Amino acid sequence: LKLQFLYLIAISLFFYPPTLTMTSVYVGNLSWAVTSDVLKAAVEKAGPVVKAEVVVYQGRSAGYGIAEFGSEADASAAIEKLNGSDLSGRRIHARADKEGGATSVYIGNLPWTTTSDELKEAAGAKSAEVKMLDGRSAGYGLVEYASADAAAKAIKELNNTDLEGRPMFVREDREEGDRQRAPKGAKGGRGGGRGGGRGGRGQ
């Protein structure tokens, strides 16, 4: 009887697999000045939100937040309304939060000679890749951390620190379409333009 019971459970799971609901929404590219209250007020315009919090590290915003909705439908509708919208002068990015926060970090304004291995060592990351363009460094790279907390810590500790004579621009990774705007005061050809574009500090 026990084997028959287990067999029935296995069959039911095969034909009717459990559905994972996604009610958390990641909101990135936030201005450093955006607080949890400001984020919640903005998110409430997109749908009924349970809570919304800006992720904070050492007393400062990490540049992104998490909003929790009551249903997957509400979360999906909010993503559609929020993604690409303006909040405090910045074009925010919204997507389903699958890992409780971002673990991928963008580092821009890199020296042309910096390799992926050197970037990994400098960032203290699990992995790192310097992006290439026409066989040369594009002036920026993506690094991956083991957790969202480690990524947030890296953003705070590494941003504007020196790497081979250049101040690095460090922030959470964003979609390719958000990589175009260069920060004010960025230096160094492609590294300061395209590379610094995603790495600029929040307003």
Protein backbone atom coordinates (compact mmCIF):
# COMPACT_ATOMS: atom_id res chain seq x y z
CA LEU A 1 0.00 0.00 0.00
CA LYS A 2 2.86 2.35 0.82
CA LEU A 3 4.44 1.80 -2.61
CA GLN A 4 1.08 2.36 -4.30
CA PHE A 5 0.64 5.60 -2.36
CA LEU A 6 4.09 6.85 -3.37
CA TYR A 7 3.38 5.86 -6.96
CA LEU A 8 0.16 7.89 -6.99
CA ILE A 9 2.01 10.92 -5.59
CA ALA A 10 4.71 10.61 -8.25
CA ILE A 11 2.10 10.36 -11.01
CA SER A 12 0.19 13.39 -9.71
CA LEU A 13 3.38 15.47 -9.54
CA PHE A 14 4.29 14.44 -13.07
CA PHE A 15 0.97 15.45 -14.59
CA TYR A 16 0.21 18.33 -12.21
CA PRO A 17 3.53 19.89 -11.21
CA PRO A 18 3.37 22.53 -8.47
CA THR A 19 3.28 26.12 -9.68
CA LEU A 20 5.78 28.54 -8.18
CA THR A 21 4.24 31.96 -7.65
CA MET A 22 6.40 35.02 -8.11
CA THR A 23 5.11 37.92 -6.04
CA SER A 24 8.37 39.78 -5.36
CA VAL A 25 9.57 42.47 -7.78
CA TYR A 26 13.15 43.74 -8.06
CA VAL A 27 13.34 47.50 -8.75
CA GLY A 28 16.79 48.68 -9.82
CA ASN A 29 18.65 51.79 -10.95
CA LEU A 30 17.27 53.78 -8.03
CA SER A 31 18.65 57.15 -7.08
CA TRP A 32 20.63 57.04 -3.85
CA ALA A 33 18.10 59.54 -2.47
CA VAL A 34 15.10 57.21 -2.89
CA THR A 35 13.90 55.89 0.47
CA SER A 36 11.65 52.92 1.17
CA ASP A 37 8.68 55.28 1.67
CA VAL A 38 9.35 56.96 -1.68
CA LEU A 39 9.69 53.58 -3.39
CA LYS A 40 6.48 52.29 -1.83
CA ALA A 41 4.56 55.39 -2.88
CA ALA A 42 5.79 54.96 -6.46
CA VAL A 43 5.06 51.24 -6.54
CA GLU A 44 1.56 51.70 -5.12
CA LYS A 45 0.66 53.60 -8.29
CA ALA A 46 1.34 50.39 -10.23
CA GLY A 47 -0.74 48.12 -8.01
CA PRO A 48 -1.64 47.04 -4.47
CA VAL A 49 1.70 46.49 -2.78
CA VAL A 50 2.17 44.62 0.50
CA LYS A 51 5.54 46.20 1.26
CA ALA A 52 8.43 47.88 -0.52
CA GLU A 53 11.92 48.34 0.84
CA VAL A 54 15.11 49.89 -0.50
CA VAL A 55 18.04 47.60 0.23
CA VAL A 56 20.46 49.42 2.51
CA TYR A 57 24.09 48.66 3.25
CA GLN A 58 26.04 50.51 5.95
CA GLY A 59 23.37 53.17 6.17
CA ARG A 60 23.19 53.94 2.45
CA SER A 61 20.99 52.77 -0.40
CA ALA A 62 22.41 49.93 -2.48
CA GLY A 63 20.63 51.36 -5.53
CA TYR A 64 17.79 48.85 -5.68
CA GLY A 65 14.76 47.66 -3.74
CA ILE A 66 12.28 44.81 -3.42
CA ALA A 67 8.50 45.20 -3.62
CA GLU A 68 6.15 42.47 -2.45
CA PHE A 69 2.68 42.02 -3.93
CA GLY A 70 -0.27 39.94 -2.83
CA SER A 71 -0.51 37.92 -6.02
CA GLU A 72 1.52 36.96 -9.05
CA ALA A 73 -0.94 38.81 -11.28
CA ASP A 74 -0.45 42.04 -9.32
CA ALA A 75 3.33 41.62 -9.49
CA SER A 76 3.27 41.03 -13.26
CA ALA A 77 1.04 44.04 -13.83
CA ALA A 78 3.33 46.20 -11.69
CA ILE A 79 6.41 45.12 -13.66
CA GLU A 80 4.71 46.18 -16.89
CA LYS A 81 3.90 49.61 -15.47
CA LEU A 82 7.13 50.24 -13.58
CA ASN A 83 9.80 48.98 -15.97
CA GLY A 84 11.28 51.93 -17.84
CA SER A 85 9.33 54.51 -15.84
CA ASP A 86 10.87 57.55 -14.18
CA LEU A 87 11.50 57.82 -10.45
CA SER A 88 13.38 60.82 -9.07
CA GLY A 89 14.92 61.54 -12.45
CA ARG A 90 16.12 58.00 -13.18
CA ARG A 91 14.76 55.36 -15.53
CA ILE A 92 14.08 52.42 -13.24
CA HIS A 93 14.22 48.75 -14.13
CA ALA A 94 11.64 46.28 -12.78
CA ARG A 95 11.64 42.50 -13.09
CA ALA A 96 10.62 39.41 -11.16
CA ASP A 97 12.81 38.97 -8.14
CA LYS A 98 14.03 35.40 -8.43
CA GLU A 99 16.87 35.46 -5.91
CA GLY A 100 15.86 38.01 -3.32
CA GLY A 101 18.19 40.63 -4.81
CA ALA A 102 20.84 41.18 -7.42
CA THR A 103 24.08 39.18 -7.24
CA SER A 104 25.55 40.54 -10.48
CA VAL A 105 27.49 43.80 -10.29
CA TYR A 106 28.62 46.14 -13.06
CA ILE A 107 32.09 47.72 -12.82
CA GLY A 108 32.91 50.47 -15.30
CA ASN A 109 35.73 52.88 -16.13
CA LEU A 110 38.24 50.03 -16.15
CA PRO A 111 41.79 50.42 -17.47
CA TRP A 112 42.17 48.94 -20.96
CA THR A 113 44.77 46.47 -19.67
CA THR A 114 42.62 44.96 -16.91
CA THR A 115 41.90 41.26 -17.51
CA SER A 116 38.97 39.20 -16.22
CA ASP A 117 41.22 37.46 -13.70
CA GLU A 118 42.54 40.79 -12.42
CA LEU A 119 39.00 42.16 -12.13
CA LYS A 120 37.87 39.06 -10.22
CA GLU A 121 40.75 39.48 -7.77
CA ALA A 122 40.22 43.22 -7.34
CA ALA A 123 36.47 42.78 -6.79
CA GLY A 124 36.78 39.74 -4.54
CA ALA A 125 34.06 38.11 -6.64
CA LYS A 126 33.04 34.53 -7.41
CA SER A 127 33.54 35.20 -11.13
CA ALA A 128 34.26 38.16 -13.40
CA GLU A 129 34.28 38.95 -17.11
CA VAL A 130 35.73 42.03 -18.77
CA LYS A 131 33.57 42.75 -21.82
CA MET A 132 35.32 42.97 -25.18
CA LEU A 133 34.59 45.08 -28.25
CA ASP A 134 36.44 44.48 -31.54
CA GLY A 135 39.05 42.43 -29.72
CA ARG A 136 39.74 45.07 -27.08
CA SER A 137 38.41 45.78 -23.61
CA ALA A 138 35.15 47.74 -23.70
CA GLY A 139 36.15 49.42 -20.43
CA TYR A 140 33.68 47.59 -18.20
CA GLY A 141 32.96 44.16 -16.80
CA LEU A 142 30.39 42.12 -14.90
CA VAL A 143 31.21 40.33 -11.68
CA GLU A 144 29.13 37.74 -9.86
CA TYR A 145 28.83 37.33 -6.10
CA ALA A 146 27.54 34.43 -4.03
CA SER A 147 24.73 36.48 -2.47
CA ALA A 148 22.83 39.74 -2.81
CA ASP A 149 24.33 40.94 0.48
CA ALA A 150 27.85 40.36 -0.85
CA ALA A 151 26.96 42.26 -4.03
CA ALA A 152 25.53 45.20 -2.07
CA LYS A 153 28.64 45.27 0.12
CA ALA A 154 30.88 45.31 -2.96
CA ILE A 155 28.96 48.21 -4.48
CA LYS A 156 29.46 50.30 -1.35
CA GLU A 157 33.09 49.40 -0.78
CA LEU A 158 34.38 49.43 -4.36
CA ASN A 159 32.57 52.39 -5.93
CA ASN A 160 35.07 55.19 -6.76
CA THR A 161 38.03 53.17 -5.48
CA ASP A 162 41.21 53.14 -7.56
CA LEU A 163 42.22 50.37 -9.95
CA GLU A 164 45.49 51.03 -11.77
CA GLY A 165 45.00 54.78 -11.54
CA ARG A 166 41.31 54.86 -12.51
CA PRO A 167 38.29 55.32 -10.18
CA MET A 168 35.89 52.45 -10.75
CA PHE A 169 32.14 53.02 -11.24
CA VAL A 170 30.34 50.22 -9.40
CA ARG A 171 26.63 49.46 -9.21
CA GLU A 172 24.11 46.64 -9.59
CA ASP A 173 23.93 45.07 -13.03
CA ARG A 174 21.13 46.25 -15.28
CA GLU A 175 19.70 45.25 -18.64
CA GLU A 176 21.65 46.00 -21.85
CA GLY A 177 19.21 48.73 -22.77
CA ASP A 178 20.07 50.66 -19.61
CA ARG A 179 23.80 50.81 -20.37
CA GLN A 180 23.80 53.85 -22.60
CA ARG A 181 23.84 56.91 -20.31
CA ALA A 182 27.33 58.02 -19.30
CA PRO A 183 27.87 59.56 -15.86
CA LYS A 184 29.00 63.14 -15.45
CA GLY A 185 32.74 63.42 -15.14
CA ALA A 186 33.47 59.99 -16.59
CA LYS A 187 36.94 59.72 -18.06
CA GLY A 188 38.68 57.74 -20.72
CA GLY A 189 37.23 57.14 -24.18
CA ARG A 190 35.07 54.04 -24.38
CA GLY A 191 35.72 53.18 -20.75
CA GLY A 192 34.33 56.49 -19.57
CA GLY A 193 31.45 56.50 -22.04
CA ARG A 194 30.09 53.03 -22.53
CA GLY A 195 31.85 51.54 -19.55
CA GLY A 196 30.97 54.39 -17.24
CA GLY A 197 27.47 54.57 -18.65
CA ARG A 198 26.10 51.86 -16.42
CA GLY A 199 28.51 52.52 -13.63
CA GLY A 200 27.57 56.15 -12.95
CA ARG A 201 26.59 57.00 -9.42
CA GLY A 202 22.97 57.61 -8.54
CA GLN A 203 21.67 61.09 -8.47
